[in-house]
Amino acid sequence: HAHRDIPAIIIGRTLLVDPSYKGARVSKIILTLHKENNEW
């Protein structure tokens, strides 16, 4: 919304990204998950 290029900010345990505006950036986030006790 604010037209900012933010590759990564951590707020608590949450990752936040902002891909700027007008298609100038595309945010790509790779998540690696592990299943333990039937929970990802």
PDB file of all heavy atoms in Angstrom:
ATOM      1  N   HIS A   1       0.841  -1.196   0.000  1.00  0.00           N
ATOM      2  CA  HIS A   1       0.000   0.000   0.000  1.00  0.00           C
ATOM      3  C   HIS A   1       0.879   1.250   0.000  1.00  0.00           C
ATOM      4  O   HIS A   1       0.599   2.215  -0.700  1.00  0.00           O
ATOM      5  CB  HIS A   1      -0.939   0.047   1.206  1.00  0.00           C
ATOM      6  CG  HIS A   1      -1.676   1.349   1.347  1.00  0.00           C
ATOM      7  ND1 HIS A   1      -2.674   1.728   0.463  1.00  0.00           N
ATOM      8  CD2 HIS A   1      -1.553   2.364   2.234  1.00  0.00           C
ATOM      9  CE1 HIS A   1      -3.137   2.922   0.817  1.00  0.00           C
ATOM     10  NE2 HIS A   1      -2.468   3.330   1.887  1.00  0.00           N
ATOM     11  N   ALA A   2       1.934   1.216   0.793  1.00  0.00           N
ATOM     12  CA  ALA A   2       2.775   2.399   0.994  1.00  0.00           C
ATOM     13  C   ALA A   2       3.894   2.525  -0.033  1.00  0.00           C
ATOM     14  O   ALA A   2       4.744   3.423   0.085  1.00  0.00           O
ATOM     15  CB  ALA A   2       3.367   2.386   2.402  1.00  0.00           C
ATOM     16  N   HIS A   3       3.917   1.615  -1.024  1.00  0.00           N
ATOM     17  CA  HIS A   3       4.891   1.679  -2.122  1.00  0.00           C
ATOM     18  C   HIS A   3       6.331   1.551  -1.623  1.00  0.00           C
ATOM     19  O   HIS A   3       7.240   2.203  -2.135  1.00  0.00           O
ATOM     20  CB  HIS A   3       4.735   2.985  -2.920  1.00  0.00           C
ATOM     21  CG  HIS A   3       3.411   3.151  -3.569  1.00  0.00           C
ATOM     22  ND1 HIS A   3       3.082   4.232  -4.356  1.00  0.00           N
ATOM     23  CD2 HIS A   3       2.304   2.371  -3.553  1.00  0.00           C
ATOM     24  CE1 HIS A   3       1.831   4.113  -4.789  1.00  0.00           C
ATOM     25  NE2 HIS A   3       1.344   2.988  -4.304  1.00  0.00           N
ATOM     26  N   ARG A   4       6.550   0.688  -0.642  1.00  0.00           N
ATOM     27  CA  ARG A   4       7.886   0.479  -0.088  1.00  0.00           C
ATOM     28  C   ARG A   4       8.468  -0.842  -0.571  1.00  0.00           C
ATOM     29  O   ARG A   4       7.747  -1.823  -0.755  1.00  0.00           O
ATOM     30  CB  ARG A   4       7.839   0.484   1.444  1.00  0.00           C
ATOM     31  CG  ARG A   4       7.431   1.815   2.032  1.00  0.00           C
ATOM     32  CD  ARG A   4       7.414   1.761   3.551  1.00  0.00           C
ATOM     33  NE  ARG A   4       8.727   1.498   4.109  1.00  0.00           N
ATOM     34  CZ  ARG A   4       8.967   1.381   5.411  1.00  0.00           C
ATOM     35  NH1 ARG A   4       7.961   1.494   6.278  1.00  0.00           N
ATOM     36  NH2 ARG A   4      10.190   1.140   5.853  1.00  0.00           N
ATOM     37  N   ASP A   5       9.763  -0.850  -0.782  1.00  0.00           N
ATOM     38  CA  ASP A   5      10.480  -2.076  -1.137  1.00  0.00           C
ATOM     39  C   ASP A   5      11.067  -2.649   0.154  1.00  0.00           C
ATOM     40  O   ASP A   5      12.085  -2.175   0.645  1.00  0.00           O
ATOM     41  CB  ASP A   5      11.580  -1.741  -2.149  1.00  0.00           C
ATOM     42  CG  ASP A   5      12.368  -2.961  -2.601  1.00  0.00           C
ATOM     43  OD1 ASP A   5      12.071  -4.077  -2.124  1.00  0.00           O
ATOM     44  OD2 ASP A   5      13.311  -2.801  -3.400  1.00  0.00           O
ATOM     45  N   ILE A   6      10.394  -3.658   0.699  1.00  0.00           N
ATOM     46  CA  ILE A   6      10.828  -4.264   1.957  1.00  0.00           C
ATOM     47  C   ILE A   6      11.107  -5.744   1.697  1.00  0.00           C
ATOM     48  O   ILE A   6      10.177  -6.560   1.637  1.00  0.00           O
ATOM     49  CB  ILE A   6       9.760  -4.106   3.061  1.00  0.00           C
ATOM     50  CG1 ILE A   6       9.420  -2.626   3.261  1.00  0.00           C
ATOM     51  CG2 ILE A   6      10.250  -4.732   4.367  1.00  0.00           C
ATOM     52  CD1 ILE A   6       8.300  -2.394   4.275  1.00  0.00           C
ATOM     53  N   PRO A   7      12.372  -6.120   1.530  1.00  0.00           N
ATOM     54  CA  PRO A   7      12.696  -7.531   1.276  1.00  0.00           C
ATOM     55  C   PRO A   7      12.380  -8.441   2.452  1.00  0.00           C
ATOM     56  O   PRO A   7      12.012  -9.602   2.260  1.00  0.00           O
ATOM     57  CB  PRO A   7      14.201  -7.506   0.992  1.00  0.00           C
ATOM     58  CG  PRO A   7      14.512  -6.086   0.643  1.00  0.00           C
ATOM     59  CD  PRO A   7      13.555  -5.255   1.440  1.00  0.00           C
ATOM     60  N   ALA A   8      12.522  -7.922   3.689  1.00  0.00           N
ATOM     61  CA  ALA A   8      12.241  -8.761   4.858  1.00  0.00           C
ATOM     62  C   ALA A   8      12.268  -7.935   6.132  1.00  0.00           C
ATOM     63  O   ALA A   8      13.202  -7.163   6.357  1.00  0.00           O
ATOM     64  CB  ALA A   8      13.252  -9.896   4.965  1.00  0.00           C
ATOM     65  N   ILE A   9      11.242  -8.103   6.949  1.00  0.00           N
ATOM     66  CA  ILE A   9      11.211  -7.598   8.323  1.00  0.00           C
ATOM     67  C   ILE A   9      10.594  -8.703   9.175  1.00  0.00           C
ATOM     68  O   ILE A   9       9.599  -9.311   8.773  1.00  0.00           O
ATOM     69  CB  ILE A   9      10.376  -6.307   8.456  1.00  0.00           C
ATOM     70  CG1 ILE A   9      11.089  -5.124   7.801  1.00  0.00           C
ATOM     71  CG2 ILE A   9      10.108  -5.983   9.920  1.00  0.00           C
ATOM     72  CD1 ILE A   9      10.309  -3.825   7.893  1.00  0.00           C
ATOM     73  N   ILE A  10      11.182  -8.964  10.331  1.00  0.00           N
ATOM     74  CA  ILE A  10      10.624  -9.946  11.253  1.00  0.00           C
ATOM     75  C   ILE A  10       9.908  -9.196  12.373  1.00  0.00           C
ATOM     76  O   ILE A  10      10.499  -8.345  13.048  1.00  0.00           O
ATOM     77  CB  ILE A  10      11.711 -10.857  11.841  1.00  0.00           C
ATOM     78  CG1 ILE A  10      12.462 -11.589  10.717  1.00  0.00           C
ATOM     79  CG2 ILE A  10      11.094 -11.857  12.813  1.00  0.00           C
ATOM     80  CD1 ILE A  10      11.600 -12.547   9.920  1.00  0.00           C
ATOM     81  N   ILE A  11       8.643  -9.513  12.563  1.00  0.00           N
ATOM     82  CA  ILE A  11       7.835  -8.929  13.635  1.00  0.00           C
ATOM     83  C   ILE A  11       7.368 -10.090  14.499  1.00  0.00           C
ATOM     84  O   ILE A  11       6.503 -10.871  14.096  1.00  0.00           O
ATOM     85  CB  ILE A  11       6.641  -8.134  13.083  1.00  0.00           C
ATOM     86  CG1 ILE A  11       7.139  -7.013  12.145  1.00  0.00           C
ATOM     87  CG2 ILE A  11       5.801  -7.553  14.217  1.00  0.00           C
ATOM     88  CD1 ILE A  11       6.037  -6.322  11.382  1.00  0.00           C
ATOM     89  N   GLY A  12       7.974 -10.230  15.681  1.00  0.00           N
ATOM     90  CA  GLY A  12       7.711 -11.417  16.484  1.00  0.00           C
ATOM     91  C   GLY A  12       8.249 -12.630  15.762  1.00  0.00           C
ATOM     92  O   GLY A  12       9.445 -12.731  15.507  1.00  0.00           O
ATOM     93  N   ARG A  13       7.368 -13.554  15.391  1.00  0.00           N
ATOM     94  CA  ARG A  13       7.755 -14.736  14.608  1.00  0.00           C
ATOM     95  C   ARG A  13       7.315 -14.635  13.154  1.00  0.00           C
ATOM     96  O   ARG A  13       7.512 -15.564  12.374  1.00  0.00           O
ATOM     97  CB  ARG A  13       7.142 -16.001  15.234  1.00  0.00           C
ATOM     98  CG  ARG A  13       5.627 -15.973  15.284  1.00  0.00           C
ATOM     99  CD  ARG A  13       5.055 -17.279  15.799  1.00  0.00           C
ATOM    100  NE  ARG A  13       5.221 -18.357  14.856  1.00  0.00           N
ATOM    101  CZ  ARG A  13       4.392 -18.587  13.826  1.00  0.00           C
ATOM    102  NH1 ARG A  13       3.360 -17.764  13.600  1.00  0.00           N
ATOM    103  NH2 ARG A  13       4.600 -19.604  13.043  1.00  0.00           N
ATOM    104  N   THR A  14       6.715 -13.504  12.797  1.00  0.00           N
ATOM    105  CA  THR A  14       6.122 -13.344  11.464  1.00  0.00           C
ATOM    106  C   THR A  14       7.076 -12.619  10.522  1.00  0.00           C
ATOM    107  O   THR A  14       7.619 -11.560  10.864  1.00  0.00           O
ATOM    108  CB  THR A  14       4.802 -12.560  11.547  1.00  0.00           C
ATOM    109  OG1 THR A  14       3.936 -13.184  12.486  1.00  0.00           O
ATOM    110  CG2 THR A  14       4.120 -12.489  10.189  1.00  0.00           C
ATOM    111  N   LEU A  15       7.261 -13.169   9.335  1.00  0.00           N
ATOM    112  CA  LEU A  15       8.038 -12.514   8.284  1.00  0.00           C
ATOM    113  C   LEU A  15       7.123 -11.606   7.474  1.00  0.00           C
ATOM    114  O   LEU A  15       6.038 -12.029   7.060  1.00  0.00           O
ATOM    115  CB  LEU A  15       8.667 -13.558   7.364  1.00  0.00           C
ATOM    116  CG  LEU A  15       9.319 -13.045   6.072  1.00  0.00           C
ATOM    117  CD1 LEU A  15      10.554 -12.200   6.375  1.00  0.00           C
ATOM    118  CD2 LEU A  15       9.667 -14.202   5.139  1.00  0.00           C
ATOM    119  N   LEU A  16       7.545 -10.359   7.267  1.00  0.00           N
ATOM    120  CA  LEU A  16       6.797  -9.427   6.412  1.00  0.00           C
ATOM    121  C   LEU A  16       7.666  -8.997   5.240  1.00  0.00           C
ATOM    122  O   LEU A  16       8.851  -8.693   5.405  1.00  0.00           O
ATOM    123  CB  LEU A  16       6.350  -8.196   7.200  1.00  0.00           C
ATOM    124  CG  LEU A  16       5.609  -7.121   6.376  1.00  0.00           C
ATOM    125  CD1 LEU A  16       4.465  -6.512   7.172  1.00  0.00           C
ATOM    126  CD2 LEU A  16       6.559  -5.998   5.893  1.00  0.00           C
ATOM    127  N   VAL A  17       7.047  -8.977   4.049  1.00  0.00           N
ATOM    128  CA  VAL A  17       7.701  -8.450   2.853  1.00  0.00           C
ATOM    129  C   VAL A  17       6.756  -7.462   2.173  1.00  0.00           C
ATOM    130  O   VAL A  17       5.543  -7.503   2.378  1.00  0.00           O
ATOM    131  CB  VAL A  17       8.080  -9.578   1.854  1.00  0.00           C
ATOM    132  CG1 VAL A  17       9.052 -10.555   2.481  1.00  0.00           C
ATOM    133  CG2 VAL A  17       6.826 -10.304   1.357  1.00  0.00           C
ATOM    134  N   ASP A  18       7.327  -6.567   1.384  1.00  0.00           N
ATOM    135  CA  ASP A  18       6.532  -5.609   0.607  1.00  0.00           C
ATOM    136  C   ASP A  18       7.220  -5.443  -0.741  1.00  0.00           C
ATOM    137  O   ASP A  18       8.378  -5.009  -0.799  1.00  0.00           O
ATOM    138  CB  ASP A  18       6.447  -4.266   1.333  1.00  0.00           C
ATOM    139  CG  ASP A  18       5.435  -3.317   0.699  1.00  0.00           C
ATOM    140  OD1 ASP A  18       5.301  -3.318  -0.539  1.00  0.00           O
ATOM    141  OD2 ASP A  18       4.792  -2.552   1.437  1.00  0.00           O
ATOM    142  N   PRO A  19       6.537  -5.780  -1.839  1.00  0.00           N
ATOM    143  CA  PRO A  19       7.171  -5.763  -3.154  1.00  0.00           C
ATOM    144  C   PRO A  19       7.056  -4.434  -3.911  1.00  0.00           C
ATOM    145  O   PRO A  19       6.895  -4.418  -5.138  1.00  0.00           O
ATOM    146  CB  PRO A  19       6.441  -6.884  -3.892  1.00  0.00           C
ATOM    147  CG  PRO A  19       5.063  -6.838  -3.323  1.00  0.00           C
ATOM    148  CD  PRO A  19       5.220  -6.428  -1.887  1.00  0.00           C
ATOM    149  N   SER A  20       7.121  -3.321  -3.194  1.00  0.00           N
ATOM    150  CA  SER A  20       7.117  -1.998  -3.826  1.00  0.00           C
ATOM    151  C   SER A  20       5.782  -1.769  -4.542  1.00  0.00           C
ATOM    152  O   SER A  20       4.731  -2.114  -4.010  1.00  0.00           O
ATOM    153  CB  SER A  20       8.322  -1.845  -4.761  1.00  0.00           C
ATOM    154  OG  SER A  20       8.476  -0.508  -5.173  1.00  0.00           O
ATOM    155  N   TYR A  21       5.799  -1.222  -5.757  1.00  0.00           N
ATOM    156  CA  TYR A  21       4.548  -0.890  -6.452  1.00  0.00           C
ATOM    157  C   TYR A  21       4.753  -0.926  -7.959  1.00  0.00           C
ATOM    158  O   TYR A  21       5.868  -0.972  -8.455  1.00  0.00           O
ATOM    159  CB  TYR A  21       4.048   0.485  -6.021  1.00  0.00           C
ATOM    160  CG  TYR A  21       4.902   1.664  -6.470  1.00  0.00           C
ATOM    161  CD1 TYR A  21       4.421   2.575  -7.404  1.00  0.00           C
ATOM    162  CD2 TYR A  21       6.177   1.869  -5.968  1.00  0.00           C
ATOM    163  CE1 TYR A  21       5.184   3.654  -7.818  1.00  0.00           C
ATOM    164  CE2 TYR A  21       6.955   2.934  -6.367  1.00  0.00           C
ATOM    165  CZ  TYR A  21       6.453   3.824  -7.296  1.00  0.00           C
ATOM    166  OH  TYR A  21       7.229   4.886  -7.715  1.00  0.00           O
ATOM    167  N   LYS A  22       3.623  -0.931  -8.685  1.00  0.00           N
ATOM    168  CA  LYS A  22       3.606  -0.963 -10.151  1.00  0.00           C
ATOM    169  C   LYS A  22       4.409  -2.131 -10.720  1.00  0.00           C
ATOM    170  O   LYS A  22       4.982  -2.035 -11.798  1.00  0.00           O
ATOM    171  CB  LYS A  22       4.118   0.361 -10.723  1.00  0.00           C
ATOM    172  CG  LYS A  22       3.178   1.531 -10.467  1.00  0.00           C
ATOM    173  CD  LYS A  22       3.664   2.794 -11.171  1.00  0.00           C
ATOM    174  CE  LYS A  22       2.681   3.947 -10.969  1.00  0.00           C
ATOM    175  NZ  LYS A  22       3.126   5.186 -11.642  1.00  0.00           N
ATOM    176  N   GLY A  23       4.454  -3.223  -9.990  1.00  0.00           N
ATOM    177  CA  GLY A  23       5.148  -4.407 -10.482  1.00  0.00           C
ATOM    178  C   GLY A  23       6.653  -4.295 -10.498  1.00  0.00           C
ATOM    179  O   GLY A  23       7.330  -5.108 -11.140  1.00  0.00           O
ATOM    180  N   ALA A  24       7.217  -3.322  -9.792  1.00  0.00           N
ATOM    181  CA  ALA A  24       8.673  -3.135  -9.790  1.00  0.00           C
ATOM    182  C   ALA A  24       9.408  -4.299  -9.135  1.00  0.00           C
ATOM    183  O   ALA A  24      10.563  -4.590  -9.461  1.00  0.00           O
ATOM    184  CB  ALA A  24       9.038  -1.830  -9.076  1.00  0.00           C
ATOM    185  N   ARG A  25       8.731  -4.956  -8.195  1.00  0.00           N
ATOM    186  CA  ARG A  25       9.319  -6.105  -7.513  1.00  0.00           C
ATOM    187  C   ARG A  25       8.285  -7.225  -7.432  1.00  0.00           C
ATOM    188  O   ARG A  25       7.075  -6.980  -7.417  1.00  0.00           O
ATOM    189  CB  ARG A  25       9.750  -5.739  -6.084  1.00  0.00           C
ATOM    190  CG  ARG A  25      10.809  -4.654  -5.991  1.00  0.00           C
ATOM    191  CD  ARG A  25      12.175  -5.128  -6.448  1.00  0.00           C
ATOM    192  NE  ARG A  25      13.181  -4.104  -6.223  1.00  0.00           N
ATOM    193  CZ  ARG A  25      13.468  -3.128  -7.095  1.00  0.00           C
ATOM    194  NH1 ARG A  25      12.788  -3.052  -8.244  1.00  0.00           N
ATOM    195  NH2 ARG A  25      14.415  -2.256  -6.840  1.00  0.00           N
ATOM    196  N   VAL A  26       8.778  -8.432  -7.352  1.00  0.00           N
ATOM    197  CA  VAL A  26       7.953  -9.595  -7.041  1.00  0.00           C
ATOM    198  C   VAL A  26       8.584 -10.247  -5.819  1.00  0.00           C
ATOM    199  O   VAL A  26       9.780 -10.561  -5.827  1.00  0.00           O
ATOM    200  CB  VAL A  26       7.887 -10.594  -8.209  1.00  0.00           C
ATOM    201  CG1 VAL A  26       7.227 -11.895  -7.760  1.00  0.00           C
ATOM    202  CG2 VAL A  26       7.125 -10.003  -9.383  1.00  0.00           C
ATOM    203  N   SER A  27       7.798 -10.425  -4.774  1.00  0.00           N
ATOM    204  CA  SER A  27       8.319 -11.059  -3.563  1.00  0.00           C
ATOM    205  C   SER A  27       8.257 -12.578  -3.713  1.00  0.00           C
ATOM    206  O   SER A  27       7.195 -13.147  -3.968  1.00  0.00           O
ATOM    207  CB  SER A  27       7.516 -10.624  -2.336  1.00  0.00           C
ATOM    208  OG  SER A  27       7.748  -9.261  -2.040  1.00  0.00           O
ATOM    209  N   LYS A  28       9.411 -13.201  -3.534  1.00  0.00           N
ATOM    210  CA  LYS A  28       9.509 -14.663  -3.564  1.00  0.00           C
ATOM    211  C   LYS A  28       9.920 -15.125  -2.170  1.00  0.00           C
ATOM    212  O   LYS A  28      10.914 -14.634  -1.616  1.00  0.00           O
ATOM    213  CB  LYS A  28      10.556 -15.100  -4.589  1.00  0.00           C
ATOM    214  CG  LYS A  28      10.825 -16.599  -4.616  1.00  0.00           C
ATOM    215  CD  LYS A  28      11.928 -16.910  -5.632  1.00  0.00           C
ATOM    216  CE  LYS A  28      12.285 -18.386  -5.634  1.00  0.00           C
ATOM    217  NZ  LYS A  28      13.390 -18.690  -6.594  1.00  0.00           N
ATOM    218  N   ILE A  29       9.148 -16.029  -1.593  1.00  0.00           N
ATOM    219  CA  ILE A  29       9.469 -16.543  -0.266  1.00  0.00           C
ATOM    220  C   ILE A  29       9.475 -18.064  -0.328  1.00  0.00           C
ATOM    221  O   ILE A  29       8.473 -18.685  -0.721  1.00  0.00           O
ATOM    222  CB  ILE A  29       8.451 -16.071   0.802  1.00  0.00           C
ATOM    223  CG1 ILE A  29       8.349 -14.549   0.813  1.00  0.00           C
ATOM    224  CG2 ILE A  29       8.866 -16.571   2.170  1.00  0.00           C
ATOM    225  CD1 ILE A  29       7.179 -14.003   0.044  1.00  0.00           C
ATOM    226  N   ILE A  30      10.590 -18.657   0.028  1.00  0.00           N
ATOM    227  CA  ILE A  30      10.709 -20.115   0.090  1.00  0.00           C
ATOM    228  C   ILE A  30      10.513 -20.546   1.531  1.00  0.00           C
ATOM    229  O   ILE A  30      11.250 -20.112   2.425  1.00  0.00           O
ATOM    230  CB  ILE A  30      12.080 -20.590  -0.432  1.00  0.00           C
ATOM    231  CG1 ILE A  30      12.264 -20.185  -1.898  1.00  0.00           C
ATOM    232  CG2 ILE A  30      12.210 -22.102  -0.272  1.00  0.00           C
ATOM    233  CD1 ILE A  30      13.642 -20.484  -2.447  1.00  0.00           C
ATOM    234  N   LEU A  31       9.498 -21.373   1.759  1.00  0.00           N
ATOM    235  CA  LEU A  31       9.239 -21.909   3.088  1.00  0.00           C
ATOM    236  C   LEU A  31       9.659 -23.379   3.124  1.00  0.00           C
ATOM    237  O   LEU A  31       9.279 -24.158   2.251  1.00  0.00           O
ATOM    238  CB  LEU A  31       7.756 -21.804   3.439  1.00  0.00           C
ATOM    239  CG  LEU A  31       7.131 -20.399   3.451  1.00  0.00           C
ATOM    240  CD1 LEU A  31       5.646 -20.495   3.783  1.00  0.00           C
ATOM    241  CD2 LEU A  31       7.841 -19.482   4.423  1.00  0.00           C
ATOM    242  N   THR A  32      10.439 -23.732   4.106  1.00  0.00           N
ATOM    243  CA  THR A  32      10.821 -25.125   4.329  1.00  0.00           C
ATOM    244  C   THR A  32      10.067 -25.643   5.539  1.00  0.00           C
ATOM    245  O   THR A  32      10.142 -25.047   6.627  1.00  0.00           O
ATOM    246  CB  THR A  32      12.335 -25.249   4.573  1.00  0.00           C
ATOM    247  OG1 THR A  32      13.037 -24.710   3.445  1.00  0.00           O
ATOM    248  CG2 THR A  32      12.738 -26.703   4.762  1.00  0.00           C
ATOM    249  N   LEU A  33       9.322 -26.724   5.340  1.00  0.00           N
ATOM    250  CA  LEU A  33       8.494 -27.270   6.418  1.00  0.00           C
ATOM    251  C   LEU A  33       8.941 -28.671   6.797  1.00  0.00           C
ATOM    252  O   LEU A  33       9.501 -29.409   5.974  1.00  0.00           O
ATOM    253  CB  LEU A  33       7.022 -27.284   6.010  1.00  0.00           C
ATOM    254  CG  LEU A  33       6.328 -25.924   5.941  1.00  0.00           C
ATOM    255  CD1 LEU A  33       6.471 -25.309   4.565  1.00  0.00           C
ATOM    256  CD2 LEU A  33       4.861 -26.044   6.319  1.00  0.00           C
ATOM    257  N   HIS A  34       8.688 -29.018   8.044  1.00  0.00           N
ATOM    258  CA  HIS A  34       9.011 -30.340   8.572  1.00  0.00           C
ATOM    259  C   HIS A  34       7.787 -30.875   9.300  1.00  0.00           C
ATOM    260  O   HIS A  34       7.163 -30.154  10.088  1.00  0.00           O
ATOM    261  CB  HIS A  34      10.204 -30.250   9.529  1.00  0.00           C
ATOM    262  CG  HIS A  34      10.501 -31.541  10.239  1.00  0.00           C
ATOM    263  ND1 HIS A  34      11.022 -32.645   9.595  1.00  0.00           N
ATOM    264  CD2 HIS A  34      10.336 -31.902  11.547  1.00  0.00           C
ATOM    265  CE1 HIS A  34      11.173 -33.625  10.467  1.00  0.00           C
ATOM    266  NE2 HIS A  34      10.764 -33.208  11.656  1.00  0.00           N
ATOM    267  N   LYS A  35       7.454 -32.138   9.050  1.00  0.00           N
ATOM    268  CA  LYS A  35       6.290 -32.726   9.698  1.00  0.00           C
ATOM    269  C   LYS A  35       6.717 -33.529  10.919  1.00  0.00           C
ATOM    270  O   LYS A  35       7.560 -34.420  10.837  1.00  0.00           O
ATOM    271  CB  LYS A  35       5.514 -33.623   8.725  1.00  0.00           C
ATOM    272  CG  LYS A  35       4.095 -33.947   9.183  1.00  0.00           C
ATOM    273  CD  LYS A  35       3.312 -34.609   8.069  1.00  0.00           C
ATOM    274  CE  LYS A  35       1.841 -34.738   8.437  1.00  0.00           C
ATOM    275  NZ  LYS A  35       1.066 -35.361   7.323  1.00  0.00           N
ATOM    276  N   GLU A  36       6.137 -33.156  12.043  1.00  0.00           N
ATOM    277  CA  GLU A  36       6.463 -33.822  13.294  1.00  0.00           C
ATOM    278  C   GLU A  36       5.191 -34.010  14.108  1.00  0.00           C
ATOM    279  O   GLU A  36       4.408 -33.070  14.272  1.00  0.00           O
ATOM    280  CB  GLU A  36       7.475 -32.983  14.084  1.00  0.00           C
ATOM    281  CG  GLU A  36       8.007 -33.662  15.321  1.00  0.00           C
ATOM    282  CD  GLU A  36       9.098 -32.844  15.996  1.00  0.00           C
ATOM    283  OE1 GLU A  36       9.514 -31.819  15.414  1.00  0.00           O
ATOM    284  OE2 GLU A  36       9.512 -33.230  17.087  1.00  0.00           O
ATOM    285  N   ASN A  37       4.990 -35.236  14.606  1.00  0.00           N
ATOM    286  CA  ASN A  37       3.765 -35.563  15.354  1.00  0.00           C
ATOM    287  C   ASN A  37       2.513 -35.185  14.566  1.00  0.00           C
ATOM    288  O   ASN A  37       1.558 -34.597  15.091  1.00  0.00           O
ATOM    289  CB  ASN A  37       3.758 -34.864  16.711  1.00  0.00           C
ATOM    290  CG  ASN A  37       4.903 -35.323  17.600  1.00  0.00           C
ATOM    291  OD1 ASN A  37       5.277 -36.492  17.571  1.00  0.00           O
ATOM    292  ND2 ASN A  37       5.460 -34.401  18.369  1.00  0.00           N
ATOM    293  N   ASN A  38       2.575 -35.482  13.264  1.00  0.00           N
ATOM    294  CA  ASN A  38       1.449 -35.245  12.351  1.00  0.00           C
ATOM    295  C   ASN A  38       1.101 -33.762  12.195  1.00  0.00           C
ATOM    296  O   ASN A  38      -0.025 -33.409  11.863  1.00  0.00           O
ATOM    297  CB  ASN A  38       0.205 -36.013  12.804  1.00  0.00           C
ATOM    298  CG  ASN A  38      -0.711 -36.358  11.648  1.00  0.00           C
ATOM    299  OD1 ASN A  38      -0.247 -36.627  10.529  1.00  0.00           O
ATOM    300  ND2 ASN A  38      -2.016 -36.337  11.880  1.00  0.00           N
ATOM    301  N   GLU A  39       2.079 -32.888  12.429  1.00  0.00           N
ATOM    302  CA  GLU A  39       1.855 -31.451  12.316  1.00  0.00           C
ATOM    303  C   GLU A  39       3.004 -30.820  11.538  1.00  0.00           C
ATOM    304  O   GLU A  39       4.179 -31.105  11.785  1.00  0.00           O
ATOM    305  CB  GLU A  39       1.770 -30.821  13.712  1.00  0.00           C
ATOM    306  CG  GLU A  39       1.445 -29.341  13.704  1.00  0.00           C
ATOM    307  CD  GLU A  39       1.262 -28.784  15.108  1.00  0.00           C
ATOM    308  OE1 GLU A  39       0.733 -29.513  15.977  1.00  0.00           O
ATOM    309  OE2 GLU A  39       1.652 -27.630  15.332  1.00  0.00           O
ATOM    310  N   TRP A  40       2.642 -29.956  10.586  1.00  0.00           N
ATOM    311  CA  TRP A  40       3.658 -29.270   9.797  1.00  0.00           C
ATOM    312  C   TRP A  40       4.182 -28.045  10.556  1.00  0.00           C
ATOM    313  O   TRP A  40       3.409 -27.251  11.078  1.00  0.00           O
ATOM    314  CB  TRP A  40       3.087 -28.811   8.459  1.00  0.00           C
ATOM    315  CG  TRP A  40       2.843 -29.912   7.483  1.00  0.00           C
ATOM    316  CD1 TRP A  40       1.647 -30.477   7.148  1.00  0.00           C
ATOM    317  CD2 TRP A  40       3.831 -30.592   6.707  1.00  0.00           C
ATOM    318  NE1 TRP A  40       1.813 -31.465   6.214  1.00  0.00           N
ATOM    319  CE2 TRP A  40       3.157 -31.552   5.916  1.00  0.00           C
ATOM    320  CE3 TRP A  40       5.220 -30.480   6.592  1.00  0.00           C
ATOM    321  CZ2 TRP A  40       3.824 -32.397   5.038  1.00  0.00           C
ATOM    322  CZ3 TRP A  40       5.894 -31.325   5.716  1.00  0.00           C
ATOM    323  CH2 TRP A  40       5.193 -32.279   4.951  1.00  0.00           C
TER     324      TRP A  40
END
